PDB file of N, CA and C in Angstrom:
ATOM      1  N   MET A   1      -8.877  -1.950  31.033  1.00  0.00           N
ATOM      2  CA  MET A   1      -9.950  -1.290  30.327  1.00  0.00           C
ATOM      3  C   MET A   1      -9.961   0.210  30.606  1.00  0.00           C
ATOM      4  N   LYS A   2      -9.810   0.550  31.852  1.00  0.00           N
ATOM      5  CA  LYS A   2      -9.904   1.962  32.204  1.00  0.00           C
ATOM      6  C   LYS A   2      -8.772   2.769  31.580  1.00  0.00           C
ATOM      7  N   LEU A   3      -7.618   2.136  31.402  1.00  0.00           N
ATOM      8  CA  LEU A   3      -6.495   2.841  30.762  1.00  0.00           C
ATOM      9  C   LEU A   3      -6.830   3.193  29.318  1.00  0.00           C
ATOM     10  N   VAL A   4      -7.560   2.333  28.657  1.00  0.00           N
ATOM     11  CA  VAL A   4      -7.961   2.601  27.274  1.00  0.00           C
ATOM     12  C   VAL A   4      -8.963   3.746  27.243  1.00  0.00           C
ATOM     13  N   VAL A   5      -9.943   3.692  28.091  1.00  0.00           N
ATOM     14  CA  VAL A   5     -11.004   4.706  28.115  1.00  0.00           C
ATOM     15  C   VAL A   5     -10.432   6.081  28.434  1.00  0.00           C
ATOM     16  N   ILE A   6      -9.396   6.130  29.251  1.00  0.00           N
ATOM     17  CA  ILE A   6      -8.766   7.410  29.598  1.00  0.00           C
ATOM     18  C   ILE A   6      -8.252   8.114  28.344  1.00  0.00           C
ATOM     19  N   GLU A   7      -7.836   7.342  27.347  1.00  0.00           N
ATOM     20  CA  GLU A   7      -7.285   7.921  26.123  1.00  0.00           C
ATOM     21  C   GLU A   7      -8.350   8.425  25.154  1.00  0.00           C
ATOM     22  N   PHE A   8      -9.605   8.086  25.374  1.00  0.00           N
ATOM     23  CA  PHE A   8     -10.673   8.540  24.477  1.00  0.00           C
ATOM     24  C   PHE A   8     -10.833  10.045  24.569  1.00  0.00           C
ATOM     25  N   THR A   9     -11.113  10.663  23.425  1.00  0.00           N
ATOM     26  CA  THR A   9     -11.386  12.104  23.392  1.00  0.00           C
ATOM     27  C   THR A   9     -12.594  12.357  22.501  1.00  0.00           C
ATOM     28  N   ASP A  10     -13.148  13.525  22.626  1.00  0.00           N
ATOM     29  CA  ASP A  10     -14.224  14.006  21.763  1.00  0.00           C
ATOM     30  C   ASP A  10     -15.365  12.989  21.630  1.00  0.00           C
ATOM     31  N   TYR A  11     -15.710  12.657  20.392  1.00  0.00           N
ATOM     32  CA  TYR A  11     -16.876  11.815  20.162  1.00  0.00           C
ATOM     33  C   TYR A  11     -16.696  10.415  20.740  1.00  0.00           C
ATOM     34  N   ALA A  12     -15.466   9.879  20.707  1.00  0.00           N
ATOM     35  CA  ALA A  12     -15.238   8.528  21.241  1.00  0.00           C
ATOM     36  C   ALA A  12     -15.600   8.470  22.726  1.00  0.00           C
ATOM     37  N   LEU A  13     -15.270   9.515  23.452  1.00  0.00           N
ATOM     38  CA  LEU A  13     -15.598   9.556  24.881  1.00  0.00           C
ATOM     39  C   LEU A  13     -17.119   9.640  25.098  1.00  0.00           C
ATOM     40  N   ILE A  14     -17.787  10.460  24.305  1.00  0.00           N
ATOM     41  CA  ILE A  14     -19.249  10.570  24.400  1.00  0.00           C
ATOM     42  C   ILE A  14     -19.884   9.222  24.062  1.00  0.00           C
ATOM     43  N   TRP A  15     -19.404   8.601  22.982  1.00  0.00           N
ATOM     44  CA  TRP A  15     -19.924   7.292  22.578  1.00  0.00           C
ATOM     45  C   TRP A  15     -19.753   6.272  23.697  1.00  0.00           C
ATOM     46  N   TRP A  16     -18.565   6.257  24.316  1.00  0.00           N
ATOM     47  CA  TRP A  16     -18.310   5.281  25.372  1.00  0.00           C
ATOM     48  C   TRP A  16     -19.240   5.492  26.566  1.00  0.00           C
ATOM     49  N   ASP A  17     -19.380   6.753  26.987  1.00  0.00           N
ATOM     50  CA  ASP A  17     -20.276   7.053  28.115  1.00  0.00           C
ATOM     51  C   ASP A  17     -21.709   6.603  27.812  1.00  0.00           C
ATOM     52  N   GLN A  18     -22.181   6.883  26.593  1.00  0.00           N
ATOM     53  CA  GLN A  18     -23.535   6.461  26.208  1.00  0.00           C
ATOM     54  C   GLN A  18     -23.640   4.939  26.179  1.00  0.00           C
ATOM     55  N   ASN A  19     -22.594   4.281  25.742  1.00  0.00           N
ATOM     56  CA  ASN A  19     -22.569   2.819  25.678  1.00  0.00           C
ATOM     57  C   ASN A  19     -22.679   2.230  27.091  1.00  0.00           C
ATOM     58  N   VAL A  20     -21.906   2.772  28.021  1.00  0.00           N
ATOM     59  CA  VAL A  20     -21.932   2.293  29.408  1.00  0.00           C
ATOM     60  C   VAL A  20     -23.328   2.496  30.006  1.00  0.00           C
ATOM     61  N   ILE A  21     -23.902   3.689  29.822  1.00  0.00           N
ATOM     62  CA  ILE A  21     -25.234   3.991  30.354  1.00  0.00           C
ATOM     63  C   ILE A  21     -26.283   3.066  29.739  1.00  0.00           C
ATOM     64  N   SER A  22     -26.211   2.884  28.448  1.00  0.00           N
ATOM     65  CA  SER A  22     -27.187   2.038  27.751  1.00  0.00           C
ATOM     66  C   SER A  22     -27.098   0.583  28.205  1.00  0.00           C
ATOM     67  N   ARG A  23     -25.877   0.095  28.430  1.00  0.00           N
ATOM     68  CA  ARG A  23     -25.697  -1.292  28.897  1.00  0.00           C
ATOM     69  C   ARG A  23     -26.266  -1.454  30.315  1.00  0.00           C
ATOM     70  N   ARG A  24     -26.057  -0.446  31.161  1.00  0.00           N
ATOM     71  CA  ARG A  24     -26.600  -0.504  32.525  1.00  0.00           C
ATOM     72  C   ARG A  24     -28.122  -0.542  32.505  1.00  0.00           C
ATOM     73  N   ARG A  25     -28.712   0.339  31.688  1.00  0.00           N
ATOM     74  CA  ARG A  25     -30.182   0.429  31.624  1.00  0.00           C
ATOM     75  C   ARG A  25     -30.809  -0.866  31.106  1.00  0.00           C
ATOM     76  N   SER A  26     -30.146  -1.498  30.141  1.00  0.00           N
ATOM     77  CA  SER A  26     -30.727  -2.705  29.546  1.00  0.00           C
ATOM     78  C   SER A  26     -30.353  -3.973  30.316  1.00  0.00           C
ATOM     79  N   GLY A  27     -29.568  -3.817  31.376  1.00  0.00           N
ATOM     80  CA  GLY A  27     -29.213  -4.960  32.209  1.00  0.00           C
ATOM     81  C   GLY A  27     -28.092  -5.837  31.656  1.00  0.00           C
ATOM     82  N   GLU A  28     -27.394  -5.335  30.631  1.00  0.00           N
ATOM     83  CA  GLU A  28     -26.256  -6.098  30.088  1.00  0.00           C
ATOM     84  C   GLU A  28     -25.059  -5.932  31.016  1.00  0.00           C
ATOM     85  N   ARG A  29     -24.196  -6.921  30.976  1.00  0.00           N
ATOM     86  CA  ARG A  29     -22.990  -6.808  31.799  1.00  0.00           C
ATOM     87  C   ARG A  29     -22.024  -5.791  31.172  1.00  0.00           C
ATOM     88  N   PRO A  30     -21.195  -5.150  31.974  1.00  0.00           N
ATOM     89  CA  PRO A  30     -20.245  -4.172  31.436  1.00  0.00           C
ATOM     90  C   PRO A  30     -19.191  -4.860  30.545  1.00  0.00           C
ATOM     91  N   VAL A  31     -18.603  -4.085  29.683  1.00  0.00           N
ATOM     92  CA  VAL A  31     -17.534  -4.599  28.817  1.00  0.00           C
ATOM     93  C   VAL A  31     -16.349  -4.931  29.712  1.00  0.00           C
ATOM     94  N   ALA A  32     -15.895  -6.182  29.635  1.00  0.00           N
ATOM     95  CA  ALA A  32     -14.877  -6.629  30.579  1.00  0.00           C
ATOM     96  C   ALA A  32     -13.511  -6.884  29.943  1.00  0.00           C
ATOM     97  N   SER A  33     -13.470  -7.039  28.631  1.00  0.00           N
ATOM     98  CA  SER A  33     -12.180  -7.387  28.023  1.00  0.00           C
ATOM     99  C   SER A  33     -11.857  -6.443  26.861  1.00  0.00           C
ATOM    100  N   TRP A  34     -10.597  -6.412  26.560  1.00  0.00           N
ATOM    101  CA  TRP A  34     -10.112  -5.610  25.447  1.00  0.00           C
ATOM    102  C   TRP A  34     -10.704  -6.123  24.131  1.00  0.00           C
ATOM    103  N   GLU A  35     -10.797  -7.432  23.985  1.00  0.00           N
ATOM    104  CA  GLU A  35     -11.356  -8.021  22.760  1.00  0.00           C
ATOM    105  C   GLU A  35     -12.797  -7.560  22.543  1.00  0.00           C
ATOM    106  N   GLU A  36     -13.583  -7.583  23.605  1.00  0.00           N
ATOM    107  CA  GLU A  36     -14.973  -7.157  23.507  1.00  0.00           C
ATOM    108  C   GLU A  36     -15.063  -5.670  23.146  1.00  0.00           C
ATOM    109  N   MET A  37     -14.180  -4.882  23.719  1.00  0.00           N
ATOM    110  CA  MET A  37     -14.164  -3.448  23.433  1.00  0.00           C
ATOM    111  C   MET A  37     -13.778  -3.186  21.977  1.00  0.00           C
ATOM    112  N   LYS A  38     -12.809  -3.946  21.467  1.00  0.00           N
ATOM    113  CA  LYS A  38     -12.403  -3.783  20.066  1.00  0.00           C
ATOM    114  C   LYS A  38     -13.562  -4.085  19.124  1.00  0.00           C
ATOM    115  N   VAL A  39     -14.319  -5.124  19.446  1.00  0.00           N
ATOM    116  CA  VAL A  39     -15.477  -5.482  18.608  1.00  0.00           C
ATOM    117  C   VAL A  39     -16.480  -4.328  18.585  1.00  0.00           C
ATOM    118  N   LEU A  40     -16.768  -3.780  19.758  1.00  0.00           N
ATOM    119  CA  LEU A  40     -17.715  -2.659  19.836  1.00  0.00           C
ATOM    120  C   LEU A  40     -17.206  -1.440  19.061  1.00  0.00           C
ATOM    121  N   MET A  41     -15.928  -1.129  19.229  1.00  0.00           N
ATOM    122  CA  MET A  41     -15.359   0.035  18.532  1.00  0.00           C
ATOM    123  C   MET A  41     -15.353  -0.174  17.025  1.00  0.00           C
ATOM    124  N   ARG A  42     -15.019  -1.380  16.578  1.00  0.00           N
ATOM    125  CA  ARG A  42     -15.037  -1.644  15.132  1.00  0.00           C
ATOM    126  C   ARG A  42     -16.446  -1.488  14.572  1.00  0.00           C
ATOM    127  N   ARG A  43     -17.430  -2.021  15.290  1.00  0.00           N
ATOM    128  CA  ARG A  43     -18.818  -1.903  14.825  1.00  0.00           C
ATOM    129  C   ARG A  43     -19.231  -0.444  14.688  1.00  0.00           C
ATOM    130  N   ARG A  44     -18.761   0.380  15.606  1.00  0.00           N
ATOM    131  CA  ARG A  44     -19.192   1.778  15.623  1.00  0.00           C
ATOM    132  C   ARG A  44     -18.372   2.663  14.695  1.00  0.00           C
ATOM    133  N   PHE A  45     -17.064   2.480  14.645  1.00  0.00           N
ATOM    134  CA  PHE A  45     -16.202   3.464  13.990  1.00  0.00           C
ATOM    135  C   PHE A  45     -15.613   3.022  12.653  1.00  0.00           C
ATOM    136  N   VAL A  46     -15.640   1.749  12.335  1.00  0.00           N
ATOM    137  CA  VAL A  46     -15.096   1.290  11.056  1.00  0.00           C
ATOM    138  C   VAL A  46     -16.271   1.068  10.106  1.00  0.00           C
ATOM    139  N   PRO A  47     -16.301   1.817   8.993  1.00  0.00           N
ATOM    140  CA  PRO A  47     -17.421   1.664   8.059  1.00  0.00           C
ATOM    141  C   PRO A  47     -17.449   0.268   7.426  1.00  0.00           C
ATOM    142  N   ASN A  48     -18.628  -0.159   7.014  1.00  0.00           N
ATOM    143  CA  ASN A  48     -18.787  -1.487   6.425  1.00  0.00           C
ATOM    144  C   ASN A  48     -17.916  -1.685   5.184  1.00  0.00           C
ATOM    145  N   HIS A  49     -17.733  -0.634   4.424  1.00  0.00           N
ATOM    146  CA  HIS A  49     -16.985  -0.747   3.164  1.00  0.00           C
ATOM    147  C   HIS A  49     -15.466  -0.640   3.356  1.00  0.00           C
ATOM    148  N   TYR A  50     -15.005  -0.441   4.584  1.00  0.00           N
ATOM    149  CA  TYR A  50     -13.575  -0.224   4.840  1.00  0.00           C
ATOM    150  C   TYR A  50     -12.720  -1.375   4.317  1.00  0.00           C
ATOM    151  N   TYR A  51     -13.077  -2.601   4.646  1.00  0.00           N
ATOM    152  CA  TYR A  51     -12.258  -3.740   4.248  1.00  0.00           C
ATOM    153  C   TYR A  51     -12.300  -3.949   2.736  1.00  0.00           C
ATOM    154  N   ARG A  52     -13.455  -3.701   2.128  1.00  0.00           N
ATOM    155  CA  ARG A  52     -13.555  -3.804   0.673  1.00  0.00           C
ATOM    156  C   ARG A  52     -12.656  -2.752   0.018  1.00  0.00           C
ATOM    157  N   ASP A  53     -12.714  -1.506   0.513  1.00  0.00           N
ATOM    158  CA  ASP A  53     -11.885  -0.437  -0.043  1.00  0.00           C
ATOM    159  C   ASP A  53     -10.406  -0.727   0.159  1.00  0.00           C
ATOM    160  N   LEU A  54     -10.073  -1.256   1.318  1.00  0.00           N
ATOM    161  CA  LEU A  54      -8.684  -1.606   1.607  1.00  0.00           C
ATOM    162  C   LEU A  54      -8.193  -2.679   0.642  1.00  0.00           C
ATOM    163  N   TYR A  55      -9.038  -3.681   0.407  1.00  0.00           N
ATOM    164  CA  TYR A  55      -8.696  -4.745  -0.545  1.00  0.00           C
ATOM    165  C   TYR A  55      -8.505  -4.172  -1.951  1.00  0.00           C
ATOM    166  N   LEU A  56      -9.394  -3.267  -2.357  1.00  0.00           N
ATOM    167  CA  LEU A  56      -9.284  -2.680  -3.697  1.00  0.00           C
ATOM    168  C   LEU A  56      -8.005  -1.864  -3.840  1.00  0.00           C
ATOM    169  N   LYS A  57      -7.647  -1.122  -2.802  1.00  0.00           N
ATOM    170  CA  LYS A  57      -6.392  -0.357  -2.843  1.00  0.00           C
ATOM    171  C   LYS A  57      -5.199  -1.293  -2.969  1.00  0.00           C
ATOM    172  N   LEU A  58      -5.217  -2.348  -2.174  1.00  0.00           N
ATOM    173  CA  LEU A  58      -4.131  -3.322  -2.219  1.00  0.00           C
ATOM    174  C   LEU A  58      -4.059  -3.979  -3.590  1.00  0.00           C
ATOM    175  N   HIS A  59      -5.208  -4.322  -4.142  1.00  0.00           N
ATOM    176  CA  HIS A  59      -5.268  -4.960  -5.454  1.00  0.00           C
ATOM    177  C   HIS A  59      -4.716  -4.020  -6.527  1.00  0.00           C
ATOM    178  N   CYS A  60      -5.105  -2.737  -6.469  1.00  0.00           N
ATOM    179  CA  CYS A  60      -4.592  -1.761  -7.443  1.00  0.00           C
ATOM    180  C   CYS A  60      -3.081  -1.604  -7.324  1.00  0.00           C
ATOM    181  N   CYS A  61      -2.580  -1.560  -6.087  1.00  0.00           N
ATOM    182  CA  CYS A  61      -1.129  -1.449  -5.880  1.00  0.00           C
ATOM    183  C   CYS A  61      -0.422  -2.673  -6.451  1.00  0.00           C
ATOM    184  N   PHE A  62      -1.024  -3.835  -6.252  1.00  0.00           N
ATOM    185  CA  PHE A  62      -0.432  -5.067  -6.776  1.00  0.00           C
ATOM    186  C   PHE A  62      -0.406  -5.047  -8.302  1.00  0.00           C
ATOM    187  N   ILE A  63      -1.488  -4.591  -8.919  1.00  0.00           N
ATOM    188  CA  ILE A  63      -1.555  -4.498 -10.383  1.00  0.00           C
ATOM    189  C   ILE A  63      -0.487  -3.537 -10.893  1.00  0.00           C
ATOM    190  N   GLU A  64      -0.370  -2.370 -10.257  1.00  0.00           N
ATOM    191  CA  GLU A  64       0.649  -1.396 -10.659  1.00  0.00           C
ATOM    192  C   GLU A  64       2.049  -1.979 -10.500  1.00  0.00           C
ATOM    193  N   PHE A  65       2.275  -2.670  -9.385  1.00  0.00           N
ATOM    194  CA  PHE A  65       3.591  -3.257  -9.138  1.00  0.00           C
ATOM    195  C   PHE A  65       3.931  -4.294 -10.196  1.00  0.00           C
ATOM    196  N   THR A  66       2.979  -5.197 -10.482  1.00  0.00           N
ATOM    197  CA  THR A  66       3.264  -6.242 -11.471  1.00  0.00           C
ATOM    198  C   THR A  66       3.446  -5.643 -12.854  1.00  0.00           C
ATOM    199  N   SER A  67       2.677  -4.601 -13.156  1.00  0.00           N
ATOM    200  CA  SER A  67       2.825  -3.936 -14.446  1.00  0.00           C
ATOM    201  C   SER A  67       4.200  -3.286 -14.551  1.00  0.00           C
ATOM    202  N   SER A  68       4.626  -2.607 -13.489  1.00  0.00           N
ATOM    203  CA  SER A  68       5.960  -1.973 -13.482  1.00  0.00           C
ATOM    204  C   SER A  68       7.048  -3.029 -13.566  1.00  0.00           C
ATOM    205  N   PHE A  69       6.865  -4.102 -12.818  1.00  0.00           N
ATOM    206  CA  PHE A  69       7.860  -5.178 -12.837  1.00  0.00           C
ATOM    207  C   PHE A  69       7.957  -5.773 -14.238  1.00  0.00           C
ATOM    208  N   ARG A  70       6.792  -5.990 -14.864  1.00  0.00           N
ATOM    209  CA  ARG A  70       6.773  -6.545 -16.223  1.00  0.00           C
ATOM    210  C   ARG A  70       7.494  -5.597 -17.185  1.00  0.00           C
ATOM    211  N   SER A  71       7.255  -4.285 -17.037  1.00  0.00           N
ATOM    212  CA  SER A  71       7.914  -3.301 -17.901  1.00  0.00           C
ATOM    213  C   SER A  71       9.419  -3.340 -17.701  1.00  0.00           C
ATOM    214  N   LEU A  72       9.848  -3.438 -16.438  1.00  0.00           N
ATOM    215  CA  LEU A  72      11.292  -3.509 -16.175  1.00  0.00           C
ATOM    216  C   LEU A  72      11.888  -4.786 -16.741  1.00  0.00           C
ATOM    217  N   TYR A  73      11.160  -5.884 -16.641  1.00  0.00           N
ATOM    218  CA  TYR A  73      11.634  -7.154 -17.181  1.00  0.00           C
ATOM    219  C   TYR A  73      11.796  -7.050 -18.704  1.00  0.00           C
ATOM    220  N   ILE A  74      10.798  -6.485 -19.367  1.00  0.00           N
ATOM    221  CA  ILE A  74      10.873  -6.320 -20.827  1.00  0.00           C
ATOM    222  C   ILE A  74      12.022  -5.400 -21.197  1.00  0.00           C
ATOM    223  N   LEU A  75      12.187  -4.328 -20.438  1.00  0.00           N
ATOM    224  CA  LEU A  75      13.287  -3.395 -20.679  1.00  0.00           C
ATOM    225  C   LEU A  75      14.634  -4.090 -20.498  1.00  0.00           C
ATOM    226  N   ASN A  76      14.747  -4.903 -19.462  1.00  0.00           N
ATOM    227  CA  ASN A  76      15.988  -5.632 -19.208  1.00  0.00           C
ATOM    228  C   ASN A  76      16.265  -6.614 -20.340  1.00  0.00           C
ATOM    229  N   MET A  77      15.225  -7.309 -20.797  1.00  0.00           N
ATOM    230  CA  MET A  77      15.410  -8.252 -21.900  1.00  0.00           C
ATOM    231  C   MET A  77      15.796  -7.517 -23.183  1.00  0.00           C
ATOM    232  N   SER A  78      15.196  -6.364 -23.416  1.00  0.00           N
ATOM    233  CA  SER A  78      15.536  -5.570 -24.599  1.00  0.00           C
ATOM    234  C   SER A  78      16.991  -5.132 -24.542  1.00  0.00           C
ATOM    235  N   LEU A  79      17.409  -4.706 -23.370  1.00  0.00           N
ATOM    236  CA  LEU A  79      18.803  -4.293 -23.203  1.00  0.00           C
ATOM    237  C   LEU A  79      19.736  -5.479 -23.434  1.00  0.00           C
ATOM    238  N   SER A  80      19.365  -6.639 -22.928  1.00  0.00           N
ATOM    239  CA  SER A  80      20.190  -7.831 -23.131  1.00  0.00           C
ATOM    240  C   SER A  80      20.331  -8.147 -24.616  1.00  0.00           C
ATOM    241  N   CYS A  81      19.210  -8.079 -25.338  1.00  0.00           N
ATOM    242  CA  CYS A  81      19.252  -8.335 -26.782  1.00  0.00           C
ATOM    243  C   CYS A  81      20.108  -7.297 -27.493  1.00  0.00           C
ATOM    244  N   TRP A  82      19.967  -6.044 -27.086  1.00  0.00           N
ATOM    245  CA  TRP A  82      20.741  -4.960 -27.692  1.00  0.00           C
ATOM    246  C   TRP A  82      22.226  -5.185 -27.450  1.00  0.00           C
ATOM    247  N   LEU A  83      22.587  -5.595 -26.233  1.00  0.00           N
ATOM    248  CA  LEU A  83      23.996  -5.863 -25.915  1.00  0.00           C
ATOM    249  C   LEU A  83      24.523  -7.055 -26.699  1.00  0.00           C
ATOM    250  N   MET A  84      23.710  -8.107 -26.793  1.00  0.00           N
ATOM    251  CA  MET A  84      24.144  -9.301 -27.524  1.00  0.00           C
ATOM    252  C   MET A  84      24.337  -8.995 -29.001  1.00  0.00           C
ATOM    253  N   ALA A  85      23.496  -8.147 -29.565  1.00  0.00           N
ATOM    254  CA  ALA A  85      23.610  -7.788 -30.986  1.00  0.00           C
ATOM    255  C   ALA A  85      24.903  -7.033 -31.257  1.00  0.00           C
ATOM    256  N   ARG A  86      25.439  -6.398 -30.263  1.00  0.00           N
ATOM    257  CA  ARG A  86      26.684  -5.628 -30.421  1.00  0.00           C
ATOM    258  C   ARG A  86      27.888  -6.344 -29.806  1.00  0.00           C
ATOM    259  N   ASN A  87      27.679  -7.591 -29.367  1.00  0.00           N
ATOM    260  CA  ASN A  87      28.732  -8.383 -28.715  1.00  0.00           C
ATOM    261  C   ASN A  87      29.332  -7.676 -27.503  1.00  0.00           C
ATOM    262  N   TRP A  88      28.494  -6.971 -26.761  1.00  0.00           N
ATOM    263  CA  TRP A  88      28.941  -6.330 -25.536  1.00  0.00           C
ATOM    264  C   TRP A  88      28.534  -7.200 -24.367  1.00  0.00           C
ATOM    265  N   LYS A  89      29.318  -7.112 -23.323  1.00  0.00           N
ATOM    266  CA  LYS A  89      28.991  -7.865 -22.116  1.00  0.00           C
ATOM    267  C   LYS A  89      28.948  -6.894 -20.937  1.00  0.00           C
ATOM    268  N   ALA A  90      27.873  -6.965 -20.198  1.00  0.00           N
ATOM    269  CA  ALA A  90      27.754  -6.184 -18.964  1.00  0.00           C
ATOM    270  C   ALA A  90      27.763  -7.194 -17.826  1.00  0.00           C
ATOM    271  N   THR A  91      28.808  -7.145 -17.031  1.00  0.00           N
ATOM    272  CA  THR A  91      28.967  -8.173 -16.002  1.00  0.00           C
ATOM    273  C   THR A  91      28.220  -7.849 -14.713  1.00  0.00           C
ATOM    274  N   SER A  92      27.944  -6.598 -14.464  1.00  0.00           N
ATOM    275  CA  SER A  92      27.258  -6.270 -13.204  1.00  0.00           C
ATOM    276  C   SER A  92      25.981  -5.488 -13.497  1.00  0.00           C
ATOM    277  N   ALA A  93      25.125  -5.428 -12.502  1.00  0.00           N
ATOM    278  CA  ALA A  93      23.871  -4.675 -12.637  1.00  0.00           C
ATOM    279  C   ALA A  93      24.164  -3.197 -12.857  1.00  0.00           C
ATOM    280  N   THR A  94      25.235  -2.698 -12.238  1.00  0.00           N
ATOM    281  CA  THR A  94      25.596  -1.287 -12.396  1.00  0.00           C
ATOM    282  C   THR A  94      25.976  -0.998 -13.843  1.00  0.00           C
ATOM    283  N   GLN A  95      26.776  -1.892 -14.436  1.00  0.00           N
ATOM    284  CA  GLN A  95      27.165  -1.693 -15.835  1.00  0.00           C
ATOM    285  C   GLN A  95      25.943  -1.734 -16.746  1.00  0.00           C
ATOM    286  N   ARG A  96      25.023  -2.641 -16.467  1.00  0.00           N
ATOM    287  CA  ARG A  96      23.804  -2.732 -17.272  1.00  0.00           C
ATOM    288  C   ARG A  96      22.986  -1.445 -17.138  1.00  0.00           C
ATOM    289  N   PHE A  97      22.924  -0.909 -15.933  1.00  0.00           N
ATOM    290  CA  PHE A  97      22.174   0.316 -15.704  1.00  0.00           C
ATOM    291  C   PHE A  97      22.806   1.481 -16.451  1.00  0.00           C
ATOM    292  N   VAL A  98      24.126   1.588 -16.396  1.00  0.00           N
ATOM    293  CA  VAL A  98      24.834   2.665 -17.105  1.00  0.00           C
ATOM    294  C   VAL A  98      24.581   2.544 -18.601  1.00  0.00           C
ATOM    295  N   LEU A  99      24.650   1.328 -19.128  1.00  0.00           N
ATOM    296  CA  LEU A  99      24.386   1.126 -20.551  1.00  0.00           C
ATOM    297  C   LEU A  99      22.955   1.503 -20.898  1.00  0.00           C
ATOM    298  N   LEU A 100      22.027   1.172 -20.023  1.00  0.00           N
ATOM    299  CA  LEU A 100      20.629   1.518 -20.247  1.00  0.00           C
ATOM    300  C   LEU A 100      20.459   3.031 -20.315  1.00  0.00           C
ATOM    301  N   ILE A 101      21.086   3.739 -19.413  1.00  0.00           N
ATOM    302  CA  ILE A 101      21.017   5.211 -19.405  1.00  0.00           C
ATOM    303  C   ILE A 101      21.618   5.760 -20.696  1.00  0.00           C
ATOM    304  N   CYS A 102      22.725   5.198 -21.128  1.00  0.00           N
ATOM    305  CA  CYS A 102      23.342   5.642 -22.389  1.00  0.00           C
ATOM    306  C   CYS A 102      22.400   5.400 -23.568  1.00  0.00           C
ATOM    307  N   CYS A 103      21.728   4.263 -23.562  1.00  0.00           N
ATOM    308  CA  CYS A 103      20.768   3.962 -24.632  1.00  0.00           C
ATOM    309  C   CYS A 103      19.645   4.985 -24.648  1.00  0.00           C
ATOM    310  N   PHE A 104      19.112   5.294 -23.463  1.00  0.00           N
ATOM    311  CA  PHE A 104      18.046   6.287 -23.388  1.00  0.00           C
ATOM    312  C   PHE A 104      18.535   7.650 -23.871  1.00  0.00           C
ATOM    313  N   GLN A 105      19.739   7.986 -23.455  1.00  0.00           N
ATOM    314  CA  GLN A 105      20.287   9.284 -23.840  1.00  0.00           C
ATOM    315  C   GLN A 105      20.429   9.354 -25.360  1.00  0.00           C
ATOM    316  N   THR A 106      20.951   8.302 -25.972  1.00  0.00           N
ATOM    317  CA  THR A 106      21.103   8.264 -27.420  1.00  0.00           C
ATOM    318  C   THR A 106      19.746   8.337 -28.110  1.00  0.00           C
ATOM    319  N   PHE A 107      18.779   7.590 -27.566  1.00  0.00           N
ATOM    320  CA  PHE A 107      17.445   7.571 -28.133  1.00  0.00           C
ATOM    321  C   PHE A 107      16.817   8.962 -28.084  1.00  0.00           C
ATOM    322  N   PHE A 108      16.895   9.630 -26.930  1.00  0.00           N
ATOM    323  CA  PHE A 108      16.274  10.938 -26.795  1.00  0.00           C
ATOM    324  C   PHE A 108      16.995  12.008 -27.611  1.00  0.00           C
ATOM    325  N   GLU A 109      18.301  11.868 -27.748  1.00  0.00           N
ATOM    326  CA  GLU A 109      19.037  12.823 -28.598  1.00  0.00           C
ATOM    327  C   GLU A 109      18.627  12.669 -30.046  1.00  0.00           C
ATOM    328  N   SER A 110      18.405  11.413 -30.477  1.00  0.00           N
ATOM    329  CA  SER A 110      17.997  11.192 -31.863  1.00  0.00           C
ATOM    330  C   SER A 110      16.604  11.784 -32.123  1.00  0.00           C
ATOM    331  N   ILE A 111      15.736  11.718 -31.129  1.00  0.00           N
ATOM    332  CA  ILE A 111      14.395  12.320 -31.278  1.00  0.00           C
ATOM    333  C   ILE A 111      14.516  13.826 -31.293  1.00  0.00           C
ATOM    334  N   LYS A 112      15.352  14.352 -30.400  1.00  0.00           N
ATOM    335  CA  LYS A 112      15.479  15.795 -30.236  1.00  0.00           C
ATOM    336  C   LYS A 112      16.012  16.466 -31.507  1.00  0.00           C
ATOM    337  N   PHE A 113      17.027  15.836 -32.111  1.00  0.00           N
ATOM    338  CA  PHE A 113      17.665  16.455 -33.257  1.00  0.00           C
ATOM    339  C   PHE A 113      17.182  15.853 -34.583  1.00  0.00           C
ATOM    340  N   GLY A 114      16.283  14.906 -34.515  1.00  0.00           N
ATOM    341  CA  GLY A 114      15.716  14.341 -35.727  1.00  0.00           C
ATOM    342  C   GLY A 114      16.689  13.531 -36.559  1.00  0.00           C
ATOM    343  N   SER A 115      17.689  12.921 -35.906  1.00  0.00           N
ATOM    344  CA  SER A 115      18.666  12.126 -36.658  1.00  0.00           C
ATOM    345  C   SER A 115      18.181  10.723 -36.897  1.00  0.00           C
TER     346      SER A 115
END
């Protein structure tokens, strides 16, 4: 316990000292375990909305990931259809990627020059 308290600085140290004094005055036993100390620190320093906000961030990241994955899947399927329509075969992921880049390049050139 004392090794943990040694690392406290600024407000955490003031909070801990006040906590120790308050426990002594009220006749409570001192904090004896790391688990008990973690509970006290979480109550004091982790806001109530922290876990909700963390969940929302994770949920948003998951939505973005699935949306990106879905877009890549659709793009891959489109490329497959495009290759099949031209009787081309791409045997490796690298070849498919190169073909995809060529398709994009052709598409953007057609937009650029209005062909």
